[in-house]
Amino acid sequence: EEFAKEIGYSKMTVQGYERGIRKYTFETLQKIADIYG
């Protein structure tokens, strides 16, 4: 929940990524990289 809020996605979206149900893009990885250095 905290991570999702920080990156601007819903908790369900993050859960989907971690369960492999939802696919993410390179842009999503880049966004996370930018936020957390």
All heavy atoms as atom14 arrays in JSON, in Angstrom:
{
  "sequence": "EEFAKEIGYSKMTVQGYERGIRKYTFETLQKIADIYG",
  "atom14_mask": [
    [1, 1, 1, 1, 1, 1, 1, 1, 1, 0, 0, 0, 0, 0],
    [1, 1, 1, 1, 1, 1, 1, 1, 1, 0, 0, 0, 0, 0],
    [1, 1, 1, 1, 1, 1, 1, 1, 1, 1, 1, 0, 0, 0],
    [1, 1, 1, 1, 1, 0, 0, 0, 0, 0, 0, 0, 0, 0],
    [1, 1, 1, 1, 1, 1, 1, 1, 1, 0, 0, 0, 0, 0],
    [1, 1, 1, 1, 1, 1, 1, 1, 1, 0, 0, 0, 0, 0],
    [1, 1, 1, 1, 1, 1, 1, 1, 0, 0, 0, 0, 0, 0],
    [1, 1, 1, 1, 0, 0, 0, 0, 0, 0, 0, 0, 0, 0],
    [1, 1, 1, 1, 1, 1, 1, 1, 1, 1, 1, 1, 0, 0],
    [1, 1, 1, 1, 1, 1, 0, 0, 0, 0, 0, 0, 0, 0],
    [1, 1, 1, 1, 1, 1, 1, 1, 1, 0, 0, 0, 0, 0],
    [1, 1, 1, 1, 1, 1, 1, 1, 0, 0, 0, 0, 0, 0],
    [1, 1, 1, 1, 1, 1, 1, 0, 0, 0, 0, 0, 0, 0],
    [1, 1, 1, 1, 1, 1, 1, 0, 0, 0, 0, 0, 0, 0],
    [1, 1, 1, 1, 1, 1, 1, 1, 1, 0, 0, 0, 0, 0],
    [1, 1, 1, 1, 0, 0, 0, 0, 0, 0, 0, 0, 0, 0],
    [1, 1, 1, 1, 1, 1, 1, 1, 1, 1, 1, 1, 0, 0],
    [1, 1, 1, 1, 1, 1, 1, 1, 1, 0, 0, 0, 0, 0],
    [1, 1, 1, 1, 1, 1, 1, 1, 1, 1, 1, 0, 0, 0],
    [1, 1, 1, 1, 0, 0, 0, 0, 0, 0, 0, 0, 0, 0],
    [1, 1, 1, 1, 1, 1, 1, 1, 0, 0, 0, 0, 0, 0],
    [1, 1, 1, 1, 1, 1, 1, 1, 1, 1, 1, 0, 0, 0],
    [1, 1, 1, 1, 1, 1, 1, 1, 1, 0, 0, 0, 0, 0],
    [1, 1, 1, 1, 1, 1, 1, 1, 1, 1, 1, 1, 0, 0],
    [1, 1, 1, 1, 1, 1, 1, 0, 0, 0, 0, 0, 0, 0],
    [1, 1, 1, 1, 1, 1, 1, 1, 1, 1, 1, 0, 0, 0],
    [1, 1, 1, 1, 1, 1, 1, 1, 1, 0, 0, 0, 0, 0],
    [1, 1, 1, 1, 1, 1, 1, 0, 0, 0, 0, 0, 0, 0],
    [1, 1, 1, 1, 1, 1, 1, 1, 0, 0, 0, 0, 0, 0],
    [1, 1, 1, 1, 1, 1, 1, 1, 1, 0, 0, 0, 0, 0],
    [1, 1, 1, 1, 1, 1, 1, 1, 1, 0, 0, 0, 0, 0],
    [1, 1, 1, 1, 1, 1, 1, 1, 0, 0, 0, 0, 0, 0],
    [1, 1, 1, 1, 1, 0, 0, 0, 0, 0, 0, 0, 0, 0],
    [1, 1, 1, 1, 1, 1, 1, 1, 0, 0, 0, 0, 0, 0],
    [1, 1, 1, 1, 1, 1, 1, 1, 0, 0, 0, 0, 0, 0],
    [1, 1, 1, 1, 1, 1, 1, 1, 1, 1, 1, 1, 0, 0],
    [1, 1, 1, 1, 0, 0, 0, 0, 0, 0, 0, 0, 0, 0]
  ],
  "atom14_positions": [
    [[0.82, -1.21, 0.0], [0.0, 0.0, 0.0], [0.85, 1.26, 0.0], [0.6, 2.2, -0.76], [-0.94, -0.01, 1.21], [-1.96, 1.09, 1.19], [-3.02, 0.92, 2.26], [-3.04, -0.1, 2.97], [-3.83, 1.84, 2.38], [0.0, 0.0, 0.0], [0.0, 0.0, 0.0], [0.0, 0.0, 0.0], [0.0, 0.0, 0.0], [0.0, 0.0, 0.0]],
    [[1.88, 1.29, 0.84], [2.76, 2.46, 0.91], [3.52, 2.65, -0.41], [3.63, 3.76, -0.92], [3.78, 2.28, 2.04], [3.18, 2.31, 3.43], [4.13, 1.8, 4.5], [5.05, 1.0, 4.2], [3.93, 2.21, 5.65], [0.0, 0.0, 0.0], [0.0, 0.0, 0.0], [0.0, 0.0, 0.0], [0.0, 0.0, 0.0], [0.0, 0.0, 0.0]],
    [[4.03, 1.54, -0.94], [4.78, 1.58, -2.2], [3.88, 2.07, -3.33], [4.28, 2.94, -4.12], [5.31, 0.17, -2.49], [6.21, 0.07, -3.69], [7.5, 0.56, -3.66], [5.78, -0.56, -4.85], [8.34, 0.43, -4.76], [6.61, -0.68, -5.95], [7.89, -0.18, -5.9], [0.0, 0.0, 0.0], [0.0, 0.0, 0.0], [0.0, 0.0, 0.0]],
    [[2.67, 1.53, -3.4], [1.72, 1.91, -4.45], [1.44, 3.41, -4.41], [1.44, 4.1, -5.44], [0.43, 1.12, -4.31], [0.0, 0.0, 0.0], [0.0, 0.0, 0.0], [0.0, 0.0, 0.0], [0.0, 0.0, 0.0], [0.0, 0.0, 0.0], [0.0, 0.0, 0.0], [0.0, 0.0, 0.0], [0.0, 0.0, 0.0], [0.0, 0.0, 0.0]],
    [[1.2, 3.92, -3.22], [0.91, 5.34, -3.07], [2.09, 6.18, -3.52], [1.92, 7.19, -4.22], [0.57, 5.65, -1.61], [0.14, 7.07, -1.37], [-0.27, 7.29, 0.07], [-0.7, 8.74, 0.28], [-1.11, 8.99, 1.65], [0.0, 0.0, 0.0], [0.0, 0.0, 0.0], [0.0, 0.0, 0.0], [0.0, 0.0, 0.0], [0.0, 0.0, 0.0]],
    [[3.27, 5.76, -3.16], [4.5, 6.51, -3.49], [4.73, 6.56, -5.01], [5.17, 7.58, -5.53], [5.7, 5.87, -2.8], [6.97, 6.64, -2.91], [7.02, 7.86, -2.0], [6.27, 7.92, -1.01], [7.81, 8.76, -2.31], [0.0, 0.0, 0.0], [0.0, 0.0, 0.0], [0.0, 0.0, 0.0], [0.0, 0.0, 0.0], [0.0, 0.0, 0.0]],
    [[4.43, 5.47, -5.72], [4.68, 5.44, -7.16], [3.45, 5.84, -7.97], [3.5, 5.88, -9.2], [5.22, 4.06, -7.63], [4.19, 2.94, -7.44], [6.55, 3.74, -6.96], [4.6, 1.6, -8.04], [0.0, 0.0, 0.0], [0.0, 0.0, 0.0], [0.0, 0.0, 0.0], [0.0, 0.0, 0.0], [0.0, 0.0, 0.0], [0.0, 0.0, 0.0]],
    [[2.35, 6.12, -7.28], [1.17, 6.63, -7.98], [0.27, 5.57, -8.59], [-0.46, 5.85, -9.55], [0.0, 0.0, 0.0], [0.0, 0.0, 0.0], [0.0, 0.0, 0.0], [0.0, 0.0, 0.0], [0.0, 0.0, 0.0], [0.0, 0.0, 0.0], [0.0, 0.0, 0.0], [0.0, 0.0, 0.0], [0.0, 0.0, 0.0], [0.0, 0.0, 0.0]],
    [[0.3, 4.36, -8.04], [-0.56, 3.28, -8.51], [-1.4, 2.78, -7.34], [-1.13, 3.1, -6.19], [0.26, 2.12, -9.08], [1.01, 2.47, -10.35], [2.38, 2.64, -10.33], [0.34, 2.61, -11.54], [3.08, 2.96, -11.49], [1.03, 2.94, -12.71], [2.4, 3.11, -12.68], [3.08, 3.42, -13.82], [0.0, 0.0, 0.0], [0.0, 0.0, 0.0]],
    [[-2.38, 1.96, -7.64], [-3.2, 1.39, -6.58], [-2.5, 0.19, -5.96], [-1.62, -0.42, -6.58], [-4.57, 0.96, -7.12], [-4.43, -0.19, -7.93], [0.0, 0.0, 0.0], [0.0, 0.0, 0.0], [0.0, 0.0, 0.0], [0.0, 0.0, 0.0], [0.0, 0.0, 0.0], [0.0, 0.0, 0.0], [0.0, 0.0, 0.0], [0.0, 0.0, 0.0]],
    [[-2.91, -0.15, -4.75], [-2.38, -1.34, -4.08], [-2.67, -2.57, -4.93], [-1.83, -3.46, -5.05], [-3.0, -1.49, -2.69], [-2.53, -2.71, -1.94], [-3.22, -2.83, -0.6], [-2.86, -4.13, 0.08], [-3.56, -4.29, 1.35], [0.0, 0.0, 0.0], [0.0, 0.0, 0.0], [0.0, 0.0, 0.0], [0.0, 0.0, 0.0], [0.0, 0.0, 0.0]],
    [[-3.85, -2.63, -5.54], [-4.22, -3.78, -6.37], [-3.29, -3.92, -7.58], [-2.96, -5.02, -7.99], [-5.67, -3.7, -6.8], [-6.61, -3.87, -5.61], [-8.29, -4.3, -6.01], [-8.1, -5.81, -6.89], [0.0, 0.0, 0.0], [0.0, 0.0, 0.0], [0.0, 0.0, 0.0], [0.0, 0.0, 0.0], [0.0, 0.0, 0.0], [0.0, 0.0, 0.0]],
    [[-2.85, -2.79, -8.12], [-1.92, -2.84, -9.25], [-0.59, -3.43, -8.81], [-0.05, -4.31, -9.48], [-1.72, -1.42, -9.84], [-2.97, -0.96, -10.35], [-0.69, -1.43, -10.95], [0.0, 0.0, 0.0], [0.0, 0.0, 0.0], [0.0, 0.0, 0.0], [0.0, 0.0, 0.0], [0.0, 0.0, 0.0], [0.0, 0.0, 0.0], [0.0, 0.0, 0.0]],
    [[-0.08, -2.98, -7.68], [1.19, -3.52, -7.16], [1.03, -5.01, -6.85], [1.9, -5.81, -7.17], [1.67, -2.72, -5.94], [2.85, -3.41, -5.26], [2.05, -1.3, -6.33], [0.0, 0.0, 0.0], [0.0, 0.0, 0.0], [0.0, 0.0, 0.0], [0.0, 0.0, 0.0], [0.0, 0.0, 0.0], [0.0, 0.0, 0.0], [0.0, 0.0, 0.0]],
    [[-0.09, -5.4, -6.25], [-0.34, -6.81, -5.98], [-0.34, -7.6, -7.29], [0.22, -8.7, -7.36], [-1.67, -6.99, -5.27], [-1.65, -6.58, -3.83], [-3.03, -6.65, -3.18], [-4.06, -6.58, -3.84], [-3.04, -6.77, -1.86], [0.0, 0.0, 0.0], [0.0, 0.0, 0.0], [0.0, 0.0, 0.0], [0.0, 0.0, 0.0], [0.0, 0.0, 0.0]],
    [[-0.96, -7.05, -8.32], [-0.99, -7.72, -9.63], [0.39, -7.9, -10.21], [0.71, -8.94, -10.77], [0.0, 0.0, 0.0], [0.0, 0.0, 0.0], [0.0, 0.0, 0.0], [0.0, 0.0, 0.0], [0.0, 0.0, 0.0], [0.0, 0.0, 0.0], [0.0, 0.0, 0.0], [0.0, 0.0, 0.0], [0.0, 0.0, 0.0], [0.0, 0.0, 0.0]],
    [[1.25, -6.87, -10.07], [2.64, -6.98, -10.53], [3.36, -8.1, -9.79], [4.04, -8.93, -10.4], [3.41, -5.68, -10.3], [3.0, -4.49, -11.13], [3.23, -3.2, -10.67], [2.4, -4.62, -12.38], [2.88, -2.09, -11.41], [2.04, -3.51, -13.12], [2.28, -2.25, -12.63], [1.95, -1.14, -13.36], [0.0, 0.0, 0.0], [0.0, 0.0, 0.0]],
    [[3.2, -8.11, -8.47], [3.93, -9.08, -7.65], [3.4, -10.5, -7.82], [4.14, -11.46, -7.57], [3.89, -8.66, -6.19], [4.73, -7.42, -5.92], [4.87, -7.09, -4.46], [4.48, -7.9, -3.59], [5.38, -5.97, -4.16], [0.0, 0.0, 0.0], [0.0, 0.0, 0.0], [0.0, 0.0, 0.0], [0.0, 0.0, 0.0], [0.0, 0.0, 0.0]],
    [[2.17, -10.65, -8.21], [1.62, -11.99, -8.45], [1.81, -12.45, -9.88], [1.52, -13.61, -10.21], [0.12, -11.99, -8.11], [-0.15, -11.83, -6.65], [-1.63, -11.85, -6.39], [-1.89, -11.65, -4.97], [-3.05, -11.22, -4.49], [-4.06, -10.97, -5.3], [-3.21, -11.06, -3.2], [0.0, 0.0, 0.0], [0.0, 0.0, 0.0], [0.0, 0.0, 0.0]],
    [[2.25, -11.56, -10.74], [2.45, -11.91, -12.14], [1.16, -11.89, -12.94], [1.12, -12.36, -14.08], [0.0, 0.0, 0.0], [0.0, 0.0, 0.0], [0.0, 0.0, 0.0], [0.0, 0.0, 0.0], [0.0, 0.0, 0.0], [0.0, 0.0, 0.0], [0.0, 0.0, 0.0], [0.0, 0.0, 0.0], [0.0, 0.0, 0.0], [0.0, 0.0, 0.0]],
    [[0.1, -11.34, -12.37], [-1.19, -11.25, -13.04], [-1.2, -10.05, -13.99], [-1.82, -10.08, -15.03], [-2.33, -11.11, -12.0], [-2.38, -12.35, -11.12], [-3.67, -10.86, -12.67], [-3.25, -12.2, -9.89], [0.0, 0.0, 0.0], [0.0, 0.0, 0.0], [0.0, 0.0, 0.0], [0.0, 0.0, 0.0], [0.0, 0.0, 0.0], [0.0, 0.0, 0.0]],
    [[-0.52, -9.0, -13.6], [-0.47, -7.76, -14.37], [0.95, -7.54, -14.85], [1.9, -7.72, -14.09], [-0.92, -6.61, -13.48], [-0.95, -5.27, -14.15], [-1.37, -4.19, -13.17], [-2.75, -4.33, -12.79], [-3.74, -3.59, -13.27], [-3.48, -2.67, -14.16], [-4.97, -3.75, -12.86], [0.0, 0.0, 0.0], [0.0, 0.0, 0.0], [0.0, 0.0, 0.0]],
    [[1.09, -7.16, -16.1], [2.42, -6.88, -16.64], [2.71, -5.39, -16.53], [1.83, -4.56, -16.65], [2.48, -7.32, -18.1], [2.27, -8.81, -18.27], [2.77, -9.27, -19.61], [2.52, -10.75, -19.84], [3.04, -11.64, -18.88], [0.0, 0.0, 0.0], [0.0, 0.0, 0.0], [0.0, 0.0, 0.0], [0.0, 0.0, 0.0], [0.0, 0.0, 0.0]],
    [[3.96, -5.06, -16.27], [4.36, -3.67, -16.19], [5.28, -3.35, -17.35], [5.82, -4.24, -18.01], [5.04, -3.36, -14.85], [6.19, -4.28, -14.52], [7.47, -4.03, -14.98], [5.99, -5.43, -13.76], [8.53, -4.88, -14.69], [7.04, -6.28, -13.46], [8.3, -6.0, -13.92], [9.34, -6.84, -13.64], [0.0, 0.0, 0.0], [0.0, 0.0, 0.0]],
    [[5.47, -2.08, -17.59], [6.3, -1.63, -18.7], [7.67, -1.19, -18.21], [7.88, -1.0, -17.01], [5.63, -0.42, -19.41], [5.56, 0.66, -18.48], [4.24, -0.77, -19.93], [0.0, 0.0, 0.0], [0.0, 0.0, 0.0], [0.0, 0.0, 0.0], [0.0, 0.0, 0.0], [0.0, 0.0, 0.0], [0.0, 0.0, 0.0], [0.0, 0.0, 0.0]],
    [[8.56, -0.99, -19.14], [9.86, -0.44, -18.8], [9.7, 0.94, -18.19], [10.43, 1.32, -17.27], [10.76, -0.37, -20.04], [12.12, 0.2, -19.73], [13.1, -0.58, -19.15], [12.4, 1.54, -19.99], [14.35, -0.05, -18.82], [13.64, 2.07, -19.69], [14.61, 1.28, -19.11], [0.0, 0.0, 0.0], [0.0, 0.0, 0.0], [0.0, 0.0, 0.0]],
    [[8.71, 1.69, -18.68], [8.46, 3.02, -18.14], [8.1, 2.95, -16.65], [8.48, 3.83, -15.87], [7.35, 3.72, -18.92], [7.78, 4.18, -20.31], [7.84, 3.06, -21.35], [7.26, 1.97, -21.13], [8.48, 3.28, -22.39], [0.0, 0.0, 0.0], [0.0, 0.0, 0.0], [0.0, 0.0, 0.0], [0.0, 0.0, 0.0], [0.0, 0.0, 0.0]],
    [[7.37, 1.91, -16.25], [7.04, 1.73, -14.84], [8.32, 1.5, -14.03], [8.5, 2.1, -12.97], [6.06, 0.55, -14.64], [4.85, 0.84, -15.33], [5.78, 0.3, -13.18], [0.0, 0.0, 0.0], [0.0, 0.0, 0.0], [0.0, 0.0, 0.0], [0.0, 0.0, 0.0], [0.0, 0.0, 0.0], [0.0, 0.0, 0.0], [0.0, 0.0, 0.0]],
    [[9.2, 0.65, -14.53], [10.47, 0.42, -13.83], [11.29, 1.7, -13.75], [11.89, 2.01, -12.72], [11.28, -0.67, -14.53], [10.77, -2.09, -14.41], [11.64, -3.04, -15.22], [10.72, -2.54, -12.96], [0.0, 0.0, 0.0], [0.0, 0.0, 0.0], [0.0, 0.0, 0.0], [0.0, 0.0, 0.0], [0.0, 0.0, 0.0], [0.0, 0.0, 0.0]],
    [[11.28, 2.46, -14.83], [12.04, 3.72, -14.85], [11.45, 4.71, -13.84], [12.19, 5.41, -13.14], [12.03, 4.34, -16.25], [12.92, 5.56, -16.37], [14.37, 5.25, -16.11], [14.95, 4.39, -16.76], [14.98, 5.93, -15.15], [0.0, 0.0, 0.0], [0.0, 0.0, 0.0], [0.0, 0.0, 0.0], [0.0, 0.0, 0.0], [0.0, 0.0, 0.0]],
    [[10.13, 4.75, -13.74], [9.47, 5.63, -12.77], [9.89, 5.27, -11.35], [10.23, 6.14, -10.55], [7.96, 5.51, -12.93], [7.18, 6.39, -11.99], [5.68, 6.24, -12.24], [4.88, 7.14, -11.34], [3.44, 7.06, -11.6], [0.0, 0.0, 0.0], [0.0, 0.0, 0.0], [0.0, 0.0, 0.0], [0.0, 0.0, 0.0], [0.0, 0.0, 0.0]],
    [[9.88, 3.96, -11.04], [10.3, 3.5, -9.71], [11.76, 3.87, -9.47], [12.12, 4.35, -8.4], [10.07, 1.98, -9.56], [8.57, 1.69, -9.59], [10.72, 1.44, -8.29], [8.23, 0.21, -9.75], [0.0, 0.0, 0.0], [0.0, 0.0, 0.0], [0.0, 0.0, 0.0], [0.0, 0.0, 0.0], [0.0, 0.0, 0.0], [0.0, 0.0, 0.0]],
    [[12.6, 3.65, -10.48], [14.02, 3.98, -10.35], [14.21, 5.46, -10.06], [15.01, 5.84, -9.2], [14.76, 3.58, -11.63], [0.0, 0.0, 0.0], [0.0, 0.0, 0.0], [0.0, 0.0, 0.0], [0.0, 0.0, 0.0], [0.0, 0.0, 0.0], [0.0, 0.0, 0.0], [0.0, 0.0, 0.0], [0.0, 0.0, 0.0], [0.0, 0.0, 0.0]],
    [[13.48, 6.3, -10.77], [13.61, 7.74, -10.57], [13.17, 8.16, -9.16], [13.83, 8.97, -8.52], [12.79, 8.5, -11.61], [13.37, 8.4, -13.01], [14.53, 8.0, -13.16], [12.63, 8.71, -13.97], [0.0, 0.0, 0.0], [0.0, 0.0, 0.0], [0.0, 0.0, 0.0], [0.0, 0.0, 0.0], [0.0, 0.0, 0.0], [0.0, 0.0, 0.0]],
    [[12.07, 7.59, -8.69], [11.54, 7.96, -7.38], [12.5, 7.58, -6.26], [12.73, 8.35, -5.33], [10.16, 7.31, -7.14], [9.11, 7.97, -8.06], [9.73, 7.4, -5.68], [7.78, 7.25, -8.1], [0.0, 0.0, 0.0], [0.0, 0.0, 0.0], [0.0, 0.0, 0.0], [0.0, 0.0, 0.0], [0.0, 0.0, 0.0], [0.0, 0.0, 0.0]],
    [[13.1, 6.39, -6.36], [13.92, 5.87, -5.27], [15.42, 5.98, -5.5], [16.22, 5.52, -4.68], [13.54, 4.42, -4.98], [12.14, 4.33, -4.41], [11.08, 3.9, -5.19], [11.88, 4.7, -3.09], [9.79, 3.82, -4.67], [10.61, 4.64, -2.58], [9.57, 4.2, -3.37], [8.3, 4.15, -2.86], [0.0, 0.0, 0.0], [0.0, 0.0, 0.0]],
    [[15.83, 6.57, -6.59], [17.24, 6.77, -6.84], [17.96, 5.51, -7.29], [19.16, 5.37, -7.09], [0.0, 0.0, 0.0], [0.0, 0.0, 0.0], [0.0, 0.0, 0.0], [0.0, 0.0, 0.0], [0.0, 0.0, 0.0], [0.0, 0.0, 0.0], [0.0, 0.0, 0.0], [0.0, 0.0, 0.0], [0.0, 0.0, 0.0], [0.0, 0.0, 0.0]]
  ]
}
